[in-house]
Amino acid sequence: FAVFSPFFPKFFPGNRLAPSVYLLPPPSEELSSSKPTLSLTCLVRGFFPETIDVQWQKD
């Protein structure tokens, strides 16, 4: 978690909290399916300020 702005304290007073990030597996129905796609869910919580940008990258 990073903020690159000298104005951060003016707009977001308070303590910064890093997010907790959880990657949830696909539903079991999808795992047993013959479809070539799966759903992944990313849960991000417990952070401040409440603005966040989440990006997925293929490795």
Protein backbone atom coordinates (compact mmCIF):
# COMPACT_ATOMS: atom_id res chain seq x y z
CA PHE A 1 0.00 0.00 0.00
CA ALA A 2 1.58 3.26 -1.05
CA VAL A 3 0.50 6.86 -1.35
CA PHE A 4 2.68 9.20 -3.37
CA SER A 5 1.27 12.62 -2.57
CA PRO A 6 2.53 15.39 -0.30
CA PHE A 7 -1.13 16.39 0.16
CA PHE A 8 -2.18 13.04 1.67
CA PRO A 9 -2.50 14.27 5.31
CA LYS A 10 -4.65 17.25 4.26
CA PHE A 11 -7.24 15.14 2.43
CA PHE A 12 -7.15 11.99 4.57
CA PRO A 13 -6.55 12.89 8.21
CA GLY A 14 -6.10 9.92 10.52
CA ASN A 15 -3.99 6.81 10.66
CA ARG A 16 -3.33 4.91 7.45
CA LEU A 17 -4.14 1.21 7.61
CA ALA A 18 -2.74 -1.31 5.13
CA PRO A 19 -5.37 -3.59 3.58
CA SER A 20 -5.89 -7.25 4.29
CA VAL A 21 -6.14 -9.10 0.97
CA TYR A 22 -7.79 -12.49 0.50
CA LEU A 23 -7.96 -14.49 -2.73
CA LEU A 24 -11.00 -16.77 -2.66
CA PRO A 25 -11.07 -19.96 -4.75
CA PRO A 26 -13.61 -20.67 -7.48
CA PRO A 27 -16.89 -22.29 -6.44
CA SER A 28 -16.78 -26.10 -6.45
CA GLU A 29 -19.37 -26.19 -9.27
CA GLU A 30 -16.91 -24.36 -11.52
CA LEU A 31 -14.05 -26.68 -10.60
CA SER A 32 -16.06 -29.73 -11.66
CA SER A 33 -17.31 -28.07 -14.86
CA SER A 34 -15.79 -28.60 -18.29
CA LYS A 35 -15.88 -24.85 -19.03
CA PRO A 36 -12.45 -23.32 -19.73
CA THR A 37 -12.98 -20.40 -17.33
CA LEU A 38 -13.11 -19.97 -13.55
CA SER A 39 -14.13 -17.16 -11.22
CA LEU A 40 -11.66 -15.72 -8.74
CA THR A 41 -12.72 -13.33 -6.01
CA CYS A 42 -10.38 -10.87 -4.35
CA LEU A 43 -11.55 -9.49 -0.99
CA VAL A 44 -9.76 -6.35 0.21
CA ARG A 45 -10.75 -4.98 3.60
CA GLY A 46 -9.68 -3.12 6.72
CA PHE A 47 -7.84 -0.24 5.05
CA PHE A 48 -7.83 3.54 5.38
CA PRO A 49 -8.29 5.79 3.53
CA GLU A 50 -11.21 4.07 1.87
CA THR A 51 -10.04 4.73 -1.70
CA ILE A 52 -8.18 1.80 -3.27
CA ASP A 53 -7.12 0.60 -6.71
CA VAL A 54 -6.94 -3.17 -7.29
CA GLN A 55 -5.28 -4.64 -10.38
CA TRP A 56 -5.00 -8.23 -11.61
CA GLN A 57 -1.85 -9.40 -13.35
CA LYS A 58 -1.28 -12.65 -15.20
CA ASP A 59 1.95 -14.37 -14.20
